[in-house]
């Protein structure tokens, strides 16, 4: 299983997010990531879009 280490804003500490789903779009590969502890999730489309940083 593919994973990604990053800070979870809900848990307020670093977590290993798991790859929940992916699909290919005209923009690139869309991947949904989830925190295994609180189920916080975000979407990343290649390196162009990352919804986890949208509110920053």
C-alpha atoms as a PDB file:
ATOM      1  CA  UNK A   1       0.000   0.000   0.000  1.00  0.00           C
ATOM      2  CA  UNK A   2       1.339   3.414  -0.947  1.00  0.00           C
ATOM      3  CA  UNK A   3       1.620   5.968   1.841  1.00  0.00           C
ATOM      4  CA  UNK A   4       2.616   9.598   2.349  1.00  0.00           C
ATOM      5  CA  UNK A   5       4.049  11.185   5.504  1.00  0.00           C
ATOM      6  CA  UNK A   6       2.685  14.667   6.342  1.00  0.00           C
ATOM      7  CA  UNK A   7       1.090  16.729   9.082  1.00  0.00           C
ATOM      8  CA  UNK A   8      -2.571  16.016   9.815  1.00  0.00           C
ATOM      9  CA  UNK A   9      -4.430  19.196  10.830  1.00  0.00           C
ATOM     10  CA  UNK A  10      -7.074  17.171  12.710  1.00  0.00           C
ATOM     11  CA  UNK A  11      -4.612  15.084  14.764  1.00  0.00           C
ATOM     12  CA  UNK A  12      -2.163  18.026  14.949  1.00  0.00           C
ATOM     13  CA  UNK A  13       0.887  15.823  14.359  1.00  0.00           C
ATOM     14  CA  UNK A  14       2.676  13.955  11.583  1.00  0.00           C
ATOM     15  CA  UNK A  15       0.830  10.916  10.267  1.00  0.00           C
ATOM     16  CA  UNK A  16       1.330   8.374   7.520  1.00  0.00           C
ATOM     17  CA  UNK A  17      -1.568   8.955   5.116  1.00  0.00           C
ATOM     18  CA  UNK A  18      -2.738   6.065   2.965  1.00  0.00           C
ATOM     19  CA  UNK A  19      -3.744   6.210  -0.682  1.00  0.00           C
ATOM     20  CA  UNK A  20      -7.518   5.736  -0.648  1.00  0.00           C
ATOM     21  CA  UNK A  21      -8.296   6.072  -4.380  1.00  0.00           C
ATOM     22  CA  UNK A  22      -6.936   7.353  -7.664  1.00  0.00           C
ATOM     23  CA  UNK A  23      -8.094   8.138 -11.173  1.00  0.00           C
ATOM     24  CA  UNK A  24      -6.611   9.754 -14.259  1.00  0.00           C
ATOM     25  CA  UNK A  25      -7.945  13.127 -15.395  1.00  0.00           C
ATOM     26  CA  UNK A  26      -6.949  15.449 -18.207  1.00  0.00           C
ATOM     27  CA  UNK A  27      -4.937  17.407 -15.574  1.00  0.00           C
ATOM     28  CA  UNK A  28      -3.048  14.308 -14.422  1.00  0.00           C
ATOM     29  CA  UNK A  29      -3.467  11.613 -11.794  1.00  0.00           C
ATOM     30  CA  UNK A  30      -5.957  12.503  -9.023  1.00  0.00           C
ATOM     31  CA  UNK A  31      -5.138  10.740  -5.736  1.00  0.00           C
ATOM     32  CA  UNK A  32      -7.221  10.809  -2.544  1.00  0.00           C
ATOM     33  CA  UNK A  33      -5.216  10.500   0.696  1.00  0.00           C
ATOM     34  CA  UNK A  34      -6.661   9.646   4.148  1.00  0.00           C
ATOM     35  CA  UNK A  35      -5.359   9.778   7.715  1.00  0.00           C
ATOM     36  CA  UNK A  36      -5.846   6.327   9.285  1.00  0.00           C
ATOM     37  CA  UNK A  37      -6.532   7.785  12.739  1.00  0.00           C
ATOM     38  CA  UNK A  38      -9.179  10.455  12.081  1.00  0.00           C
ATOM     39  CA  UNK A  39     -10.120   9.912   8.401  1.00  0.00           C
ATOM     40  CA  UNK A  40      -9.100  13.485   7.458  1.00  0.00           C
ATOM     41  CA  UNK A  41      -8.558  13.477   3.723  1.00  0.00           C
ATOM     42  CA  UNK A  42      -7.202  15.577   0.912  1.00  0.00           C
ATOM     43  CA  UNK A  43      -6.824  15.327  -2.848  1.00  0.00           C
ATOM     44  CA  UNK A  44      -3.664  15.795  -4.866  1.00  0.00           C
ATOM     45  CA  UNK A  45      -3.577  16.065  -8.659  1.00  0.00           C
ATOM     46  CA  UNK A  46       0.004  15.440  -9.753  1.00  0.00           C
ATOM     47  CA  UNK A  47       2.082  18.275  -8.287  1.00  0.00           C
ATOM     48  CA  UNK A  48      -0.251  20.993  -9.569  1.00  0.00           C
ATOM     49  CA  UNK A  49      -3.185  20.829  -7.093  1.00  0.00           C
ATOM     50  CA  UNK A  50      -3.174  19.906  -3.400  1.00  0.00           C
ATOM     51  CA  UNK A  51      -6.396  20.546  -1.471  1.00  0.00           C
ATOM     52  CA  UNK A  52      -4.608  20.151   1.865  1.00  0.00           C
ATOM     53  CA  UNK A  53      -2.834  23.469   1.250  1.00  0.00           C
ATOM     54  CA  UNK A  54      -5.830  25.274  -0.273  1.00  0.00           C
ATOM     55  CA  UNK A  55      -6.791  26.994   2.997  1.00  0.00           C
ATOM     56  CA  UNK A  56      -3.245  28.127   3.836  1.00  0.00           C
END
